[in-house]
Amino acid sequence: MICGFISCQKLLINPSISNLRPFPGKLMKTASDTESNIDLSLKMAFSTAPVAYGGPVMQDQFSTLHGFGEVAGSKKVCPGVFVGGSSQLMNEVRKNQLQPQEVLFVKGHAAWVPGQLTREIDKGVWYIASASADLILRYAGAPVTKDDNKDDLWNDILSCMGDKFESIAMSHSGRGDERMLP
């Protein structure tokens, strides 16, 4: 899935280098295991927040994805999905206006040289999909229905796309989102 992001960054879900996969631990553990840009007060406020793998670049950096566009410092990624505003989000958690689990912390990111991602899309390495905020924010408490595969977001997105993508999803089903964690 490629969803408009800031500058030439993209939000990707892929089964092989699988960006945006859940980490087995929550923020306190994940951000404490190595150096990070998360200060102690943020770790404490969001200790139980989910963490996803964003890519191999800048592994000490965390971004936040959430559905709270009214939060100062947040920027719209696509309808219903926002990035940033962690200081204001922390204040909202402290006032019990939102739960830590409603914010997804993303560790690291992926990067490409100019034109590389386009070439990889043209070769079929990546599939472009439109996805709802409920899919993108699944690990941040977005609702999951009985028809959803709560453990395999990539599979759900490709299945929603239908036709050849549904066949691709089926051929890789059962592996789940925690496949090939870094």
C-alpha atoms as a PDB file:
ATOM      1  CA  MET A   1       0.000   0.000   0.000  1.00  0.00           C
ATOM      2  CA  ILE A   2       1.309   3.407  -0.815  1.00  0.00           C
ATOM      3  CA  CYS A   3      -0.553   6.269   0.766  1.00  0.00           C
ATOM      4  CA  GLY A   4       0.409   9.929   0.340  1.00  0.00           C
ATOM      5  CA  PHE A   5       2.805  10.970   3.081  1.00  0.00           C
ATOM      6  CA  ILE A   6       5.116  13.877   3.724  1.00  0.00           C
ATOM      7  CA  SER A   7       7.483  14.723   0.870  1.00  0.00           C
ATOM      8  CA  CYS A   8       8.433  11.566  -1.031  1.00  0.00           C
ATOM      9  CA  GLN A   9       7.970   9.239   1.924  1.00  0.00           C
ATOM     10  CA  LYS A  10       5.353   6.510   1.645  1.00  0.00           C
ATOM     11  CA  LEU A  11       3.462   4.221   3.976  1.00  0.00           C
ATOM     12  CA  LEU A  12       4.168   0.647   2.919  1.00  0.00           C
ATOM     13  CA  ILE A  13       2.909  -2.762   3.910  1.00  0.00           C
ATOM     14  CA  ASN A  14       4.867  -5.610   2.355  1.00  0.00           C
ATOM     15  CA  PRO A  15       5.302  -9.255   3.371  1.00  0.00           C
ATOM     16  CA  SER A  16       8.998  -9.585   2.598  1.00  0.00           C
ATOM     17  CA  ILE A  17      10.671  -6.506   4.072  1.00  0.00           C
ATOM     18  CA  SER A  18       7.254  -5.846   5.520  1.00  0.00           C
ATOM     19  CA  ASN A  19       7.126  -2.287   6.636  1.00  0.00           C
ATOM     20  CA  LEU A  20       4.480  -1.473   9.210  1.00  0.00           C
ATOM     21  CA  ARG A  21       4.531  -4.852  10.964  1.00  0.00           C
ATOM     22  CA  PRO A  22       3.851  -5.056  14.691  1.00  0.00           C
ATOM     23  CA  PHE A  23       6.768  -5.506  17.065  1.00  0.00           C
ATOM     24  CA  PRO A  24       6.230  -8.114  19.772  1.00  0.00           C
ATOM     25  CA  GLY A  25       6.621  -5.563  22.594  1.00  0.00           C
ATOM     26  CA  LYS A  26       5.005  -2.249  23.474  1.00  0.00           C
ATOM     27  CA  LEU A  27       6.690   1.179  23.363  1.00  0.00           C
ATOM     28  CA  MET A  28       8.375   1.092  26.781  1.00  0.00           C
ATOM     29  CA  LYS A  29      10.208  -2.156  25.988  1.00  0.00           C
ATOM     30  CA  THR A  30      10.974  -1.418  22.343  1.00  0.00           C
ATOM     31  CA  ALA A  31      12.212   2.147  22.926  1.00  0.00           C
ATOM     32  CA  SER A  32      14.245   1.097  25.968  1.00  0.00           C
ATOM     33  CA  ASP A  33      16.039  -1.801  24.267  1.00  0.00           C
ATOM     34  CA  THR A  34      18.181   0.546  22.130  1.00  0.00           C
ATOM     35  CA  GLU A  35      18.903   4.262  21.815  1.00  0.00           C
ATOM     36  CA  SER A  36      15.924   6.212  20.537  1.00  0.00           C
ATOM     37  CA  ASN A  37      14.483   9.688  20.094  1.00  0.00           C
ATOM     38  CA  ILE A  38      11.771   8.885  22.679  1.00  0.00           C
ATOM     39  CA  ASP A  39      12.316  10.665  25.990  1.00  0.00           C
ATOM     40  CA  LEU A  40      11.346   9.088  29.322  1.00  0.00           C
ATOM     41  CA  SER A  41       8.140  11.117  29.779  1.00  0.00           C
ATOM     42  CA  LEU A  42       6.864   9.982  26.368  1.00  0.00           C
ATOM     43  CA  LYS A  43       7.831   6.371  27.138  1.00  0.00           C
ATOM     44  CA  MET A  44       5.947   6.564  30.423  1.00  0.00           C
ATOM     45  CA  ALA A  45       2.787   8.113  28.949  1.00  0.00           C
ATOM     46  CA  PHE A  46       2.732   5.649  26.032  1.00  0.00           C
ATOM     47  CA  SER A  47       4.285   2.635  27.769  1.00  0.00           C
ATOM     48  CA  THR A  48       1.520   0.334  26.466  1.00  0.00           C
ATOM     49  CA  ALA A  49       1.312   1.846  22.968  1.00  0.00           C
ATOM     50  CA  PRO A  50       1.817  -0.538  20.046  1.00  0.00           C
ATOM     51  CA  VAL A  51       4.980  -0.340  17.957  1.00  0.00           C
ATOM     52  CA  ALA A  52       5.390  -1.274  14.294  1.00  0.00           C
ATOM     53  CA  TYR A  53       8.495  -1.787  12.193  1.00  0.00           C
ATOM     54  CA  GLY A  54       8.784   1.063   9.693  1.00  0.00           C
ATOM     55  CA  GLY A  55      11.981   0.021   7.947  1.00  0.00           C
ATOM     56  CA  PRO A  56      15.729  -0.416   8.344  1.00  0.00           C
ATOM     57  CA  VAL A  57      16.699   3.289   8.106  1.00  0.00           C
ATOM     58  CA  MET A  58      17.173   5.395  11.269  1.00  0.00           C
ATOM     59  CA  GLN A  59      16.162   2.646  13.694  1.00  0.00           C
ATOM     60  CA  ASP A  60      16.616   5.039  16.621  1.00  0.00           C
ATOM     61  CA  GLN A  61      13.799   7.265  15.319  1.00  0.00           C
ATOM     62  CA  PHE A  62      10.089   6.777  16.036  1.00  0.00           C
ATOM     63  CA  SER A  63       7.126   8.390  14.288  1.00  0.00           C
ATOM     64  CA  THR A  64       3.527   8.364  15.463  1.00  0.00           C
ATOM     65  CA  LEU A  65       0.495   7.408  13.379  1.00  0.00           C
ATOM     66  CA  HIS A  66      -2.959   8.149  14.749  1.00  0.00           C
ATOM     67  CA  GLY A  67      -6.465   9.300  13.930  1.00  0.00           C
ATOM     68  CA  PHE A  68      -6.423  12.606  15.835  1.00  0.00           C
ATOM     69  CA  GLY A  69      -6.125  15.404  13.289  1.00  0.00           C
ATOM     70  CA  GLU A  70      -7.081  18.075  15.800  1.00  0.00           C
ATOM     71  CA  VAL A  71      -3.846  17.500  17.743  1.00  0.00           C
ATOM     72  CA  ALA A  72      -1.346  20.329  17.354  1.00  0.00           C
ATOM     73  CA  GLY A  73       1.725  19.287  15.392  1.00  0.00           C
ATOM     74  CA  SER A  74       0.017  16.476  13.501  1.00  0.00           C
ATOM     75  CA  LYS A  75       0.021  16.330   9.697  1.00  0.00           C
ATOM     76  CA  LYS A  76      -2.510  14.559   7.499  1.00  0.00           C
ATOM     77  CA  VAL A  77      -1.186  11.471   5.724  1.00  0.00           C
ATOM     78  CA  CYS A  78      -4.511  10.511   4.140  1.00  0.00           C
ATOM     79  CA  PRO A  79      -8.164  10.731   5.269  1.00  0.00           C
ATOM     80  CA  GLY A  80      -8.373   9.778   8.939  1.00  0.00           C
ATOM     81  CA  VAL A  81      -4.636   9.136   9.386  1.00  0.00           C
ATOM     82  CA  PHE A  82      -2.166  11.623  10.843  1.00  0.00           C
ATOM     83  CA  VAL A  83       1.516  11.638  11.734  1.00  0.00           C
ATOM     84  CA  GLY A  84       3.273  13.604  14.473  1.00  0.00           C
ATOM     85  CA  GLY A  85       2.105  15.706  17.366  1.00  0.00           C
ATOM     86  CA  SER A  86       3.534  13.372  20.004  1.00  0.00           C
ATOM     87  CA  SER A  87       3.907  16.080  22.679  1.00  0.00           C
ATOM     88  CA  GLN A  88       0.264  17.092  22.361  1.00  0.00           C
ATOM     89  CA  LEU A  89      -0.814  13.447  22.180  1.00  0.00           C
ATOM     90  CA  MET A  90       1.038  12.871  25.457  1.00  0.00           C
ATOM     91  CA  ASN A  91      -0.951  15.704  27.061  1.00  0.00           C
ATOM     92  CA  GLU A  92      -4.191  14.120  25.824  1.00  0.00           C
ATOM     93  CA  VAL A  93      -3.187  10.764  27.355  1.00  0.00           C
ATOM     94  CA  ARG A  94      -2.430  12.480  30.667  1.00  0.00           C
ATOM     95  CA  LYS A  95      -5.903  14.122  30.601  1.00  0.00           C
ATOM     96  CA  ASN A  96      -7.473  10.713  29.789  1.00  0.00           C
ATOM     97  CA  GLN A  97      -8.756  12.101  26.478  1.00  0.00           C
ATOM     98  CA  LEU A  98      -7.210   9.190  24.563  1.00  0.00           C
ATOM     99  CA  GLN A  99      -5.663   5.833  25.340  1.00  0.00           C
ATOM    100  CA  PRO A 100      -1.989   5.074  24.585  1.00  0.00           C
ATOM    101  CA  GLN A 101      -3.099   2.095  22.478  1.00  0.00           C
ATOM    102  CA  GLU A 102      -4.783   4.505  20.018  1.00  0.00           C
ATOM    103  CA  VAL A 103      -1.392   5.745  18.801  1.00  0.00           C
ATOM    104  CA  LEU A 104       0.923   3.587  16.711  1.00  0.00           C
ATOM    105  CA  PHE A 105       4.631   4.259  17.135  1.00  0.00           C
ATOM    106  CA  VAL A 106       6.625   3.369  14.016  1.00  0.00           C
ATOM    107  CA  LYS A 107      10.305   2.484  14.489  1.00  0.00           C
ATOM    108  CA  GLY A 108      12.583   3.453  11.605  1.00  0.00           C
ATOM    109  CA  HIS A 109      11.583   3.960   8.001  1.00  0.00           C
ATOM    110  CA  ALA A 110      12.423   2.826   4.486  1.00  0.00           C
ATOM    111  CA  ALA A 111      14.190   5.016   1.937  1.00  0.00           C
ATOM    112  CA  TRP A 112      14.834   4.991  -1.791  1.00  0.00           C
ATOM    113  CA  VAL A 113      17.016   6.990  -4.146  1.00  0.00           C
ATOM    114  CA  PRO A 114      15.076   9.176  -6.624  1.00  0.00           C
ATOM    115  CA  GLY A 115      13.181   6.995  -9.105  1.00  0.00           C
ATOM    116  CA  GLN A 116      13.960   3.712  -7.325  1.00  0.00           C
ATOM    117  CA  LEU A 117      10.488   3.200  -5.842  1.00  0.00           C
ATOM    118  CA  THR A 118       8.814   3.927  -9.191  1.00  0.00           C
ATOM    119  CA  ARG A 119      11.056   1.356 -10.893  1.00  0.00           C
ATOM    120  CA  GLU A 120      10.266  -1.213  -8.188  1.00  0.00           C
ATOM    121  CA  ILE A 121       6.519  -0.568  -8.586  1.00  0.00           C
ATOM    122  CA  ASP A 122       6.854  -0.980 -12.359  1.00  0.00           C
ATOM    123  CA  LYS A 123       8.596  -4.339 -11.790  1.00  0.00           C
ATOM    124  CA  GLY A 124       5.808  -5.545  -9.489  1.00  0.00           C
ATOM    125  CA  VAL A 125       7.847  -5.474  -6.284  1.00  0.00           C
ATOM    126  CA  TRP A 126       5.235  -3.191  -4.668  1.00  0.00           C
ATOM    127  CA  TYR A 127       1.469  -2.957  -5.166  1.00  0.00           C
ATOM    128  CA  ILE A 128      -0.308   0.374  -4.928  1.00  0.00           C
ATOM    129  CA  ALA A 129      -3.540   0.296  -2.930  1.00  0.00           C
ATOM    130  CA  SER A 130      -5.949   2.721  -1.394  1.00  0.00           C
ATOM    131  CA  ALA A 131      -6.647   1.738   2.191  1.00  0.00           C
ATOM    132  CA  SER A 132      -8.975   3.105   4.832  1.00  0.00           C
ATOM    133  CA  ALA A 133      -7.864   4.534   8.146  1.00  0.00           C
ATOM    134  CA  ASP A 134      -9.307   1.409   9.803  1.00  0.00           C
ATOM    135  CA  LEU A 135      -6.783  -0.721   7.931  1.00  0.00           C
ATOM    136  CA  ILE A 136      -3.822   1.623   8.388  1.00  0.00           C
ATOM    137  CA  LEU A 137      -4.535   2.117  12.102  1.00  0.00           C
ATOM    138  CA  ARG A 138      -5.437  -1.506  12.842  1.00  0.00           C
ATOM    139  CA  TYR A 139      -2.557  -1.822  15.338  1.00  0.00           C
ATOM    140  CA  ALA A 140      -3.625   1.400  17.028  1.00  0.00           C
ATOM    141  CA  GLY A 141      -7.024   0.097  18.105  1.00  0.00           C
ATOM    142  CA  ALA A 142      -9.037   0.559  14.890  1.00  0.00           C
ATOM    143  CA  PRO A 143     -12.018  -1.789  14.786  1.00  0.00           C
ATOM    144  CA  VAL A 144     -11.634  -5.278  13.347  1.00  0.00           C
ATOM    145  CA  THR A 145     -14.660  -7.228  12.092  1.00  0.00           C
ATOM    146  CA  LYS A 146     -15.205 -10.980  12.146  1.00  0.00           C
ATOM    147  CA  ASP A 147     -14.402 -11.031   8.409  1.00  0.00           C
ATOM    148  CA  ASP A 148     -11.005  -9.382   8.922  1.00  0.00           C
ATOM    149  CA  ASN A 149      -7.799 -11.329   9.411  1.00  0.00           C
ATOM    150  CA  LYS A 150      -6.596  -9.399  12.463  1.00  0.00           C
ATOM    151  CA  ASP A 151      -3.158 -11.009  12.281  1.00  0.00           C
ATOM    152  CA  ASP A 152      -2.444 -10.367   8.599  1.00  0.00           C
ATOM    153  CA  LEU A 153      -3.034  -6.795   7.467  1.00  0.00           C
ATOM    154  CA  TRP A 154      -1.132  -7.237   4.200  1.00  0.00           C
ATOM    155  CA  ASN A 155      -3.352 -10.182   3.284  1.00  0.00           C
ATOM    156  CA  ASP A 156      -6.525  -8.220   4.138  1.00  0.00           C
ATOM    157  CA  ILE A 157      -5.515  -5.253   1.982  1.00  0.00           C
ATOM    158  CA  LEU A 158      -4.656  -7.388  -1.029  1.00  0.00           C
ATOM    159  CA  SER A 159      -7.861  -9.406  -0.600  1.00  0.00           C
ATOM    160  CA  CYS A 160      -9.883  -6.163  -0.620  1.00  0.00           C
ATOM    161  CA  MET A 161      -8.222  -5.245  -3.924  1.00  0.00           C
ATOM    162  CA  GLY A 162      -9.665  -8.405  -5.530  1.00  0.00           C
ATOM    163  CA  ASP A 163      -8.751 -10.078  -8.837  1.00  0.00           C
ATOM    164  CA  LYS A 164      -5.069 -11.049  -9.140  1.00  0.00           C
ATOM    165  CA  PHE A 165      -4.237  -9.404  -5.790  1.00  0.00           C
ATOM    166  CA  GLU A 166      -6.628 -11.684  -3.943  1.00  0.00           C
ATOM    167  CA  SER A 167      -4.841 -14.666  -5.522  1.00  0.00           C
ATOM    168  CA  ILE A 168      -1.477 -13.274  -4.414  1.00  0.00           C
ATOM    169  CA  ALA A 169      -2.846 -12.805  -0.891  1.00  0.00           C
ATOM    170  CA  MET A 170      -4.171 -16.349  -0.807  1.00  0.00           C
ATOM    171  CA  SER A 171      -0.852 -17.801  -1.979  1.00  0.00           C
ATOM    172  CA  HIS A 172       0.878 -16.138   0.982  1.00  0.00           C
ATOM    173  CA  SER A 173      -1.902 -16.560   3.568  1.00  0.00           C
ATOM    174  CA  GLY A 174      -1.255 -17.942   7.017  1.00  0.00           C
ATOM    175  CA  ARG A 175       2.090 -16.232   7.516  1.00  0.00           C
ATOM    176  CA  GLY A 176       0.704 -13.286   9.498  1.00  0.00           C
ATOM    177  CA  ASP A 177       2.065  -9.791  10.061  1.00  0.00           C
ATOM    178  CA  GLU A 178       4.875 -10.902  12.338  1.00  0.00           C
ATOM    179  CA  ARG A 179       6.604 -12.776   9.507  1.00  0.00           C
ATOM    180  CA  MET A 180      10.236 -11.895   8.994  1.00  0.00           C
ATOM    181  CA  LEU A 181      10.557  -9.397  11.849  1.00  0.00           C
ATOM    182  CA  PRO A 182      13.916  -7.650  11.925  1.00  0.00           C
END
